N, C-alpha and C. Protein backbone atom coordinates (compact mmCIF):
# COMPACT_ATOMS: atom_id res chain seq x y z
N UNK A 1 -0.70 19.40 21.81
CA UNK A 1 -1.06 18.37 23.02
C UNK A 1 -1.02 17.03 22.12
N UNK A 2 -0.95 16.02 22.46
CA UNK A 2 -0.76 14.87 21.62
C UNK A 2 -1.96 13.98 22.72
N UNK A 3 -2.72 13.34 22.51
CA UNK A 3 -4.11 12.44 22.81
C UNK A 3 -4.13 11.03 22.24
N UNK A 4 -4.30 10.17 22.45
CA UNK A 4 -4.16 8.87 22.25
C UNK A 4 -5.53 8.63 22.29
N UNK A 5 -6.10 7.87 21.45
CA UNK A 5 -7.31 6.98 21.73
C UNK A 5 -7.30 5.36 21.16
N UNK A 6 -7.18 4.52 22.18
CA UNK A 6 -6.98 3.52 21.67
C UNK A 6 -8.27 2.26 22.33
N UNK A 7 -8.76 1.11 22.00
CA UNK A 7 -9.42 0.62 22.11
C UNK A 7 -9.82 -0.59 21.55
N UNK A 8 -10.57 -1.20 21.59
CA UNK A 8 -10.80 -2.66 20.71
C UNK A 8 -12.02 -2.42 19.40
N UNK A 9 -11.87 -3.36 18.91
CA UNK A 9 -12.93 -3.27 17.49
C UNK A 9 -14.40 -2.96 17.86
N UNK A 10 -14.88 -1.58 17.42
CA UNK A 10 -16.12 -1.29 17.80
C UNK A 10 -16.39 -0.83 18.73
N UNK A 11 -15.53 -0.46 19.63
CA UNK A 11 -15.60 0.48 20.64
C UNK A 11 -16.14 1.90 20.62
N UNK A 12 -15.77 2.69 19.17
CA UNK A 12 -16.12 3.87 19.33
C UNK A 12 -14.92 4.59 18.78
N UNK A 13 -13.49 4.11 19.10
CA UNK A 13 -12.46 4.97 19.04
C UNK A 13 -12.26 5.65 17.79
N UNK A 14 -12.30 5.02 16.82
CA UNK A 14 -12.56 6.06 15.35
C UNK A 14 -13.42 7.39 15.23
N UNK A 15 -14.45 6.82 15.46
CA UNK A 15 -15.27 7.76 15.44
C UNK A 15 -15.22 8.78 16.23
N UNK A 16 -14.77 8.82 18.06
CA UNK A 16 -14.37 9.80 18.94
C UNK A 16 -13.48 10.23 18.46
N UNK A 17 -12.47 9.73 17.95
CA UNK A 17 -10.93 10.41 17.70
C UNK A 17 -11.44 11.40 16.44
N UNK A 18 -12.33 11.05 15.44
CA UNK A 18 -12.98 12.32 14.19
C UNK A 18 -13.74 13.30 15.18
N UNK A 19 -14.72 13.11 15.97
CA UNK A 19 -15.17 14.38 16.81
C UNK A 19 -14.11 15.19 17.31
N UNK A 20 -13.30 14.63 18.10
CA UNK A 20 -12.11 14.98 18.62
C UNK A 20 -11.71 16.32 18.24
N UNK A 21 -10.92 15.49 16.50
CA UNK A 21 -10.14 16.09 15.63
C UNK A 21 -10.99 17.68 15.23
N UNK A 22 -12.45 17.17 14.81
CA UNK A 22 -12.74 18.31 14.22
C UNK A 22 -13.01 19.30 15.54
N UNK A 23 -13.37 19.63 16.72
CA UNK A 23 -13.99 20.02 17.37
C UNK A 23 -12.74 20.92 18.25
N UNK A 24 -11.45 20.25 18.30
CA UNK A 24 -10.14 20.81 18.59
C UNK A 24 -9.61 21.40 17.82
N UNK A 25 -10.00 20.88 16.45
CA UNK A 25 -8.76 21.43 15.16
C UNK A 25 -7.51 21.14 15.30
N UNK A 26 -7.48 19.55 15.24
CA UNK A 26 -6.32 19.24 15.58
C UNK A 26 -6.02 17.92 14.75
N UNK A 27 -5.18 17.99 14.07
CA UNK A 27 -4.82 16.63 12.82
C UNK A 27 -5.41 15.35 13.78
N UNK A 28 -5.59 14.54 13.00
CA UNK A 28 -6.30 13.13 13.42
C UNK A 28 -5.45 12.09 12.53
N UNK A 29 -4.51 11.47 13.65
CA UNK A 29 -3.50 10.25 12.90
C UNK A 29 -4.01 8.63 13.09
N UNK A 30 -4.52 8.40 11.92
CA UNK A 30 -5.30 7.05 12.57
C UNK A 30 -4.89 5.83 11.58
N UNK A 31 -4.44 4.84 12.69
CA UNK A 31 -3.89 4.10 12.66
C UNK A 31 -4.44 2.89 11.23
N UNK A 32 -5.43 3.17 11.33
CA UNK A 32 -6.56 2.91 9.99
C UNK A 32 -6.44 3.20 8.68
N UNK A 33 -6.56 4.39 8.82
CA UNK A 33 -6.05 5.17 7.67
C UNK A 33 -4.79 5.14 7.42
N UNK A 34 -3.76 5.05 8.03
CA UNK A 34 -2.04 4.50 7.82
C UNK A 34 -2.07 3.38 6.85
N UNK A 35 -3.00 2.62 7.52
CA UNK A 35 -3.16 0.93 6.75
C UNK A 35 -3.86 1.07 5.09
N UNK A 36 -4.69 2.08 5.46
CA UNK A 36 -5.54 2.17 3.81
C UNK A 36 -4.93 3.08 2.94
N UNK A 37 -4.03 3.50 3.22
CA UNK A 37 -3.09 4.36 2.47
C UNK A 37 -1.43 3.63 1.94
N UNK A 38 -0.89 2.51 3.10
CA UNK A 38 0.01 1.50 2.66
C UNK A 38 -1.17 0.67 1.44
N UNK A 39 -1.96 0.15 1.51
CA UNK A 39 -2.68 -0.42 0.64
C UNK A 39 -2.65 0.03 -0.67
N UNK A 40 -3.08 1.38 -0.72
CA UNK A 40 -3.38 1.96 -1.90
C UNK A 40 -1.94 2.20 -2.18
N UNK A 41 -0.85 2.55 -1.94
CA UNK A 41 0.54 2.71 -2.25
C UNK A 41 1.23 1.40 -3.10
N UNK A 42 0.24 -0.04 -2.48
CA UNK A 42 0.69 -1.13 -2.81
C UNK A 42 -0.37 -1.22 -4.47
N UNK A 43 -1.34 -0.84 -4.13
CA UNK A 43 -2.20 -0.88 -5.76
C UNK A 43 -3.32 -2.24 -5.26
N UNK A 44 -3.37 -2.26 -4.11
CA UNK A 44 -4.21 -3.58 -3.45
C UNK A 44 -5.39 -2.77 -2.72
N UNK A 45 -6.37 -3.34 -2.79
CA UNK A 45 -7.75 -3.08 -2.10
C UNK A 45 -7.36 -3.34 -0.95
N UNK A 46 -8.48 -3.00 0.13
CA UNK A 46 -8.48 -2.93 1.36
C UNK A 46 -8.43 -4.73 1.91
N UNK A 47 -9.21 -5.13 1.21
CA UNK A 47 -9.44 -6.41 1.18
C UNK A 47 -8.12 -7.37 1.36
N UNK A 48 -8.02 -7.09 0.15
CA UNK A 48 -6.53 -7.70 -0.62
C UNK A 48 -5.37 -7.79 0.86
N UNK A 49 -4.97 -6.19 0.96
CA UNK A 49 -4.20 -6.22 1.83
C UNK A 49 -4.56 -6.48 3.46
N UNK A 50 -5.68 -6.50 3.38
CA UNK A 50 -6.13 -7.15 4.83
C UNK A 50 -5.52 -8.60 4.77
N UNK A 51 -5.72 -9.36 4.31
CA UNK A 51 -5.95 -11.01 3.89
C UNK A 51 -3.96 -10.80 3.86
N UNK A 52 -3.44 -10.01 2.97
CA UNK A 52 -1.62 -9.93 2.87
C UNK A 52 -1.15 -9.66 4.15
N UNK A 53 -2.02 -8.81 4.84
CA UNK A 53 -1.14 -8.37 6.64
C UNK A 53 -1.45 -9.58 7.41
N UNK A 54 -2.52 -10.67 7.23
CA UNK A 54 -2.54 -11.64 7.73
C UNK A 54 -1.56 -12.54 7.55
N UNK A 55 -1.02 -12.63 6.67
CA UNK A 55 0.38 -13.25 6.79
C UNK A 55 1.64 -12.66 6.99
N UNK A 56 1.69 -11.74 6.76
CA UNK A 56 2.96 -10.34 6.55
C UNK A 56 2.89 -10.04 7.74
N UNK A 57 3.09 -10.19 9.12
CA UNK A 57 3.13 -9.37 10.38
C UNK A 57 3.75 -8.20 10.21
N UNK A 58 4.47 -8.10 9.28
CA UNK A 58 5.82 -7.27 9.38
C UNK A 58 4.67 -5.68 8.83
N UNK A 59 3.66 -6.05 7.94
CA UNK A 59 2.64 -4.86 7.89
C UNK A 59 2.27 -4.35 9.00
N UNK A 60 1.91 -4.90 10.25
CA UNK A 60 1.20 -4.24 11.24
C UNK A 60 2.45 -3.41 12.07
N UNK A 61 3.86 -3.76 11.82
CA UNK A 61 5.15 -2.97 12.57
C UNK A 61 5.33 -1.99 11.80
N UNK A 62 5.12 -2.18 10.34
CA UNK A 62 4.76 -1.11 9.37
C UNK A 62 3.98 0.17 9.64
N UNK A 63 2.93 0.07 10.09
CA UNK A 63 1.65 0.63 10.52
C UNK A 63 1.92 1.21 11.56
N UNK A 64 2.37 0.60 12.64
CA UNK A 64 3.00 1.59 13.78
C UNK A 64 3.68 2.30 13.88
N UNK A 65 5.03 1.65 12.95
CA UNK A 65 6.04 2.68 12.94
C UNK A 65 5.36 4.33 12.26
N UNK A 66 4.87 3.94 10.69
CA UNK A 66 4.60 5.12 10.49
C UNK A 66 3.61 5.86 10.82
N UNK A 67 2.70 5.81 11.82
CA UNK A 67 1.81 6.23 12.58
C UNK A 67 3.14 7.08 13.71
N UNK A 68 3.99 6.45 14.53
CA UNK A 68 4.57 6.73 15.65
C UNK A 68 5.28 8.08 14.53
N UNK A 69 5.88 7.80 13.63
CA UNK A 69 6.76 8.86 12.82
C UNK A 69 5.72 10.24 12.38
N UNK A 70 4.74 9.72 12.05
CA UNK A 70 3.71 10.89 11.65
C UNK A 70 3.48 11.91 13.13
N UNK A 71 3.13 11.15 14.07
CA UNK A 71 2.96 12.17 15.39
C UNK A 71 3.78 12.87 15.74
N UNK A 72 5.20 11.89 15.45
CA UNK A 72 6.53 12.92 16.12
C UNK A 72 6.47 13.94 15.54
N UNK A 73 6.15 13.97 14.36
CA UNK A 73 6.21 15.66 13.72
C UNK A 73 5.53 16.61 13.97
N UNK A 74 4.26 15.96 14.73
CA UNK A 74 3.26 16.94 15.00
C UNK A 74 3.15 17.27 16.70
N UNK A 75 3.18 18.88 16.57
CA UNK A 75 2.95 19.58 17.99
C UNK A 75 1.78 18.72 18.38
N UNK A 76 0.63 19.10 17.78
CA UNK A 76 -0.87 18.50 18.65
C UNK A 76 -0.99 17.57 17.57
N UNK A 77 -1.83 16.54 18.24
CA UNK A 77 -2.27 15.19 17.20
C UNK A 77 -3.30 14.89 18.14
N UNK A 78 -4.34 14.16 17.53
CA UNK A 78 -5.21 12.80 18.23
C UNK A 78 -4.36 11.67 17.33
N UNK A 79 -4.04 10.79 18.28
CA UNK A 79 -3.63 9.45 17.54
C UNK A 79 -4.46 8.68 17.74
N UNK A 80 -5.19 7.78 16.55
CA UNK A 80 -6.03 6.97 17.19
C UNK A 80 -5.59 5.39 16.55
N UNK A 81 -5.62 4.13 17.53
CA UNK A 81 -5.28 2.69 17.09
C UNK A 81 -5.24 2.31 18.05
N UNK A 82 -5.42 1.19 17.99
CA UNK A 82 -5.60 -0.19 18.95
C UNK A 82 -4.07 -0.11 19.72
N UNK A 83 -3.00 0.27 19.35
CA UNK A 83 -1.82 0.35 20.21
C UNK A 83 -1.12 1.56 20.67
N UNK A 84 -2.29 2.84 20.13
CA UNK A 84 -1.44 4.35 20.02
C UNK A 84 -1.21 4.69 21.35
N UNK A 85 -1.72 4.50 22.25
CA UNK A 85 -1.75 4.67 24.09
C UNK A 85 -0.13 4.10 24.37
N UNK A 86 0.03 2.77 23.65
CA UNK A 86 1.75 2.05 23.78
C UNK A 86 2.32 2.73 23.50
N UNK A 87 2.26 3.27 22.13
CA UNK A 87 3.30 3.82 20.97
C UNK A 87 3.76 4.99 21.19
N UNK A 88 2.95 5.98 21.39
CA UNK A 88 3.07 7.02 21.82
C UNK A 88 3.39 7.89 22.67
N UNK A 89 4.98 7.39 23.30
CA UNK A 89 5.10 7.47 25.08
C UNK A 89 4.84 8.99 25.56
N UNK A 90 4.62 9.93 24.52
CA UNK A 90 4.60 11.42 24.71
C UNK A 90 3.79 12.00 24.93
N UNK A 91 2.48 11.17 24.82
CA UNK A 91 1.00 11.30 24.87
C UNK A 91 0.75 12.87 26.12
N UNK A 92 0.12 13.75 26.12
CA UNK A 92 -0.17 14.27 27.31
C UNK A 92 -1.61 13.78 27.86
N UNK A 93 -2.30 13.26 27.12
CA UNK A 93 -3.65 11.89 27.74
C UNK A 93 -3.85 10.98 26.92
N UNK A 94 -3.75 9.72 27.93
CA UNK A 94 -4.25 8.63 27.07
C UNK A 94 -5.35 7.70 27.21
N UNK A 95 -6.38 7.95 26.39
CA UNK A 95 -7.48 7.35 26.39
C UNK A 95 -8.09 5.90 26.13
N UNK A 96 -8.50 5.50 26.66
CA UNK A 96 -8.60 3.64 26.16
C UNK A 96 -10.54 3.62 26.33
N UNK A 97 -10.79 3.67 25.44
CA UNK A 97 -12.36 3.39 25.26
C UNK A 97 -12.85 1.89 25.04
N UNK A 98 -14.20 1.30 25.92
CA UNK A 98 -14.45 -0.01 25.64
C UNK A 98 -15.69 0.02 26.04
N UNK A 99 -16.34 -1.20 25.13
CA UNK A 99 -17.97 -1.58 25.26
C UNK A 99 -18.10 -2.94 25.76
N UNK A 100 -19.14 -3.00 25.92
CA UNK A 100 -19.38 -4.48 26.22
C UNK A 100 -19.33 -4.94 24.88
N UNK A 101 -18.78 -6.35 24.92
CA UNK A 101 -18.29 -7.10 23.93
C UNK A 101 -19.80 -7.09 22.82
N UNK A 102 -20.97 -7.46 23.32
CA UNK A 102 -22.01 -7.61 22.49
C UNK A 102 -22.69 -6.31 21.78
N UNK A 103 -22.10 -5.55 22.59
CA UNK A 103 -22.76 -3.83 21.38
C UNK A 103 -21.53 -3.83 20.69
N UNK A 104 -20.26 -4.20 20.73
CA UNK A 104 -19.73 -3.80 19.69
C UNK A 104 -19.57 -4.98 18.46
N UNK A 105 -19.90 -5.90 19.28
CA UNK A 105 -20.35 -6.70 17.74
C UNK A 105 -21.14 -6.26 16.78
N UNK A 106 -22.51 -5.96 17.46
CA UNK A 106 -23.31 -5.29 17.08
C UNK A 106 -23.23 -4.03 16.20
N UNK A 107 -22.33 -3.01 16.71
CA UNK A 107 -21.43 -1.80 15.61
C UNK A 107 -21.11 -2.63 14.84
N UNK A 108 -20.19 -3.58 14.79
CA UNK A 108 -19.57 -3.93 13.86
C UNK A 108 -20.16 -4.65 12.83
N UNK A 109 -21.29 -5.59 12.96
CA UNK A 109 -22.26 -5.92 12.25
C UNK A 109 -23.19 -4.81 11.41
N UNK A 110 -23.31 -3.83 12.31
CA UNK A 110 -24.08 -2.58 11.53
C UNK A 110 -23.02 -2.15 10.27
N UNK A 111 -21.93 -1.78 10.99
CA UNK A 111 -21.05 -0.96 9.52
C UNK A 111 -20.64 -1.64 8.71
N UNK A 112 -20.11 -2.76 9.05
CA UNK A 112 -20.07 -3.89 7.57
C UNK A 112 -20.76 -4.54 7.09
N UNK A 113 -22.00 -4.62 7.56
CA UNK A 113 -23.82 -5.17 7.18
C UNK A 113 -23.17 -6.84 7.04
N UNK A 114 -23.16 -7.28 8.08
CA UNK A 114 -22.37 -8.45 8.41
C UNK A 114 -23.64 -9.29 9.28
N UNK A 115 -23.94 -10.53 9.51
CA UNK A 115 -24.56 -11.14 10.40
C UNK A 115 -23.74 -10.88 11.70
N UNK A 116 -24.80 -11.07 13.02
CA UNK A 116 -24.05 -10.53 14.43
C UNK A 116 -22.87 -11.69 14.79
N UNK A 117 -23.64 -12.91 14.06
CA UNK A 117 -22.65 -14.25 15.21
C UNK A 117 -21.71 -14.24 14.11
N UNK A 118 -21.78 -13.91 12.63
CA UNK A 118 -20.57 -14.17 11.91
C UNK A 118 -19.55 -12.87 12.68
N UNK A 119 -19.86 -12.21 12.89
CA UNK A 119 -18.96 -10.93 13.50
C UNK A 119 -18.28 -11.12 14.92
N UNK A 120 -19.35 -11.95 15.74
CA UNK A 120 -19.43 -12.34 16.62
C UNK A 120 -17.91 -13.48 16.73
N UNK A 121 -17.83 -14.20 15.84
CA UNK A 121 -16.62 -15.33 15.54
C UNK A 121 -15.85 -14.65 15.38
N UNK A 122 -15.75 -13.52 13.85
CA UNK A 122 -14.63 -13.23 13.19
C UNK A 122 -13.88 -12.46 14.26
N UNK A 123 -14.70 -11.24 15.49
CA UNK A 123 -13.92 -10.43 16.23
C UNK A 123 -13.00 -11.46 17.26
N UNK A 124 -14.00 -12.07 17.55
CA UNK A 124 -13.25 -12.85 18.83
C UNK A 124 -11.80 -13.56 18.40
N UNK A 125 -12.06 -13.91 16.93
CA UNK A 125 -10.86 -14.76 16.71
C UNK A 125 -9.61 -13.59 16.32
N UNK A 126 -10.13 -12.47 15.85
CA UNK A 126 -9.08 -11.43 15.44
C UNK A 126 -8.40 -11.00 16.46
N UNK A 127 -9.06 -10.59 17.99
CA UNK A 127 -8.88 -10.16 19.19
C UNK A 127 -7.94 -11.18 19.77
N UNK A 128 -8.11 -12.86 19.65
CA UNK A 128 -6.97 -13.38 20.13
C UNK A 128 -6.08 -13.25 19.23
N UNK A 129 -6.03 -13.50 18.19
CA UNK A 129 -4.69 -13.29 17.31
C UNK A 129 -3.65 -11.96 17.40
N UNK A 130 -4.50 -11.08 17.38
CA UNK A 130 -3.75 -9.59 17.74
C UNK A 130 -3.27 -9.59 19.14
N UNK A 131 -3.59 -10.06 20.17
CA UNK A 131 -3.22 -10.26 21.17
C UNK A 131 -2.10 -10.67 21.53
N UNK A 132 -1.91 -12.13 20.60
CA UNK A 132 -0.90 -12.80 20.54
C UNK A 132 0.24 -12.07 19.95
N UNK A 133 0.00 -11.49 18.67
CA UNK A 133 0.88 -10.94 17.75
C UNK A 133 1.45 -9.39 18.57
N UNK A 134 0.57 -8.80 19.34
CA UNK A 134 1.37 -7.67 20.32
C UNK A 134 1.93 -7.90 21.16
N UNK A 135 1.94 -8.90 21.98
CA UNK A 135 2.47 -9.96 23.31
C UNK A 135 3.85 -10.02 22.68
N UNK A 136 3.78 -11.22 21.30
CA UNK A 136 5.25 -11.52 20.68
C UNK A 136 5.86 -10.29 19.97
N UNK A 137 5.63 -9.49 19.15
CA UNK A 137 6.58 -7.94 19.00
C UNK A 137 6.91 -7.40 19.52
N UNK A 138 5.95 -7.01 20.47
CA UNK A 138 6.36 -5.69 21.39
C UNK A 138 6.24 -5.40 22.66
N UNK A 139 5.85 -6.63 23.23
CA UNK A 139 5.53 -7.19 24.64
C UNK A 139 4.35 -6.57 25.59
N UNK A 140 3.55 -6.03 24.80
CA UNK A 140 2.24 -5.74 25.22
C UNK A 140 0.99 -6.64 25.34
N UNK A 141 0.97 -6.53 26.40
CA UNK A 141 -0.62 -6.88 27.05
C UNK A 141 -1.89 -5.72 26.78
N UNK A 142 -2.43 -5.98 25.86
CA UNK A 142 -3.67 -5.13 25.30
C UNK A 142 -4.65 -4.78 26.61
N UNK A 143 -4.88 -5.93 27.19
CA UNK A 143 -5.56 -5.99 28.52
C UNK A 143 -5.02 -5.44 29.88
N UNK A 144 -3.80 -5.03 29.69
CA UNK A 144 -3.24 -4.11 30.80
C UNK A 144 -3.71 -2.50 30.69
N UNK A 145 -4.78 -2.12 31.34
CA UNK A 145 -5.01 -0.91 30.98
C UNK A 145 -4.27 0.71 31.90
N UNK A 146 -3.38 -0.08 32.37
CA UNK A 146 -2.47 0.60 33.47
C UNK A 146 -1.71 2.10 32.82
N UNK A 147 -1.58 1.99 31.62
CA UNK A 147 -0.78 3.05 31.11
C UNK A 147 -1.78 4.26 30.83
N UNK A 148 -3.18 3.99 30.80
CA UNK A 148 -4.23 5.24 30.22
C UNK A 148 -4.74 5.92 31.86
N UNK A 149 -4.68 7.49 31.05
CA UNK A 149 -5.14 8.47 32.17
C UNK A 149 -6.92 8.39 31.97
N UNK A 150 -7.26 8.28 30.88
CA UNK A 150 -9.09 8.24 30.99
C UNK A 150 -9.59 6.89 30.58
N UNK A 151 -10.40 6.24 31.21
CA UNK A 151 -10.96 4.81 30.83
C UNK A 151 -12.47 5.11 30.79
N UNK A 152 -12.93 4.71 29.48
CA UNK A 152 -14.53 5.24 29.15
C UNK A 152 -15.25 4.02 28.48
N UNK A 153 -16.22 3.69 28.93
CA UNK A 153 -16.92 2.70 28.62
C UNK A 153 -18.16 3.29 27.80
N UNK A 154 -18.17 2.71 26.87
CA UNK A 154 -18.96 3.21 25.74
C UNK A 154 -20.27 2.94 24.91
N UNK A 155 -20.44 1.82 26.51
CA UNK A 155 -21.60 1.02 26.08
C UNK A 155 -22.89 1.73 25.53
N UNK A 156 -22.90 2.81 26.46
CA UNK A 156 -24.43 3.63 27.04
C UNK A 156 -24.20 5.14 26.57
N UNK A 157 -23.05 5.30 25.99
CA UNK A 157 -22.84 6.43 25.53
C UNK A 157 -22.51 7.23 24.17
N UNK A 158 -22.89 8.30 23.87
CA UNK A 158 -23.08 8.31 22.16
C UNK A 158 -21.27 8.78 22.26
N UNK A 159 -20.90 8.91 20.86
CA UNK A 159 -19.64 9.38 20.33
C UNK A 159 -19.20 10.90 20.89
N UNK A 160 -20.57 11.65 20.84
CA UNK A 160 -20.60 13.17 20.93
C UNK A 160 -20.20 12.89 22.79
N UNK A 161 -20.89 12.32 23.14
CA UNK A 161 -20.94 12.57 24.81
C UNK A 161 -19.55 12.05 25.38
N UNK A 162 -19.02 11.12 24.59
CA UNK A 162 -17.45 10.91 24.97
C UNK A 162 -16.49 11.75 24.61
N UNK A 163 -16.81 12.26 23.42
CA UNK A 163 -15.65 13.31 23.29
C UNK A 163 -15.93 14.70 24.45
N UNK A 164 -16.91 14.99 24.72
CA UNK A 164 -17.27 16.40 25.47
C UNK A 164 -16.46 15.40 26.96
N UNK A 165 -16.48 14.46 27.01
CA UNK A 165 -15.71 14.04 28.31
C UNK A 165 -14.52 14.30 28.44
N UNK A 166 -13.54 13.69 27.34
CA UNK A 166 -12.79 14.21 26.91
C UNK A 166 -12.07 15.59 26.50
N UNK A 167 -12.84 16.14 26.25
CA UNK A 167 -12.51 17.86 26.06
C UNK A 167 -12.20 18.41 27.82
N UNK A 168 -13.10 17.71 28.49
CA UNK A 168 -13.38 18.47 29.65
C UNK A 168 -11.87 17.81 30.51
N UNK A 169 -11.49 16.76 30.40
CA UNK A 169 -10.46 16.02 30.82
C UNK A 169 -8.82 16.91 30.68
N UNK A 170 -9.31 17.78 29.45
CA UNK A 170 -7.62 18.11 28.93
C UNK A 170 -7.86 19.61 29.32
N UNK A 171 -9.15 20.09 29.66
CA UNK A 171 -9.16 21.79 30.25
C UNK A 171 -8.77 22.12 31.63
């Protein structure tokens, strides 16, 4: 079984995907991990590679392609990333996790040890840029949730509870 976990930054998608992978004993294929691996292969730090990717849109396309190829090789996988629901056409369950923007900003600020006003500004800009990029490269509107089978608001729910809901949905 293939399950995709998508959502905006700070929604909890990566945390939930890791919990699901452990509980179900299914391989996790994370867009973030693919990105980190590509940075490593090029001898760049994550920060350097992120800056490089900003001005080299082919990096996003490469990350998406590598993640898709990895998923195609697996019978069972949790595939996590912003566009996973769109890229993994044969997934048996497509999950979208969202949260109130202020909750997401707070989570990101805590994770990255940054001021919330800085995170708010950076995240809004990042999401605007990504939305345009996904539309331009793939014709994808990330705000169109109709492709998802299960949509979960993580604002007031623990990642463990969300994982339980997803497990219930597949049983």
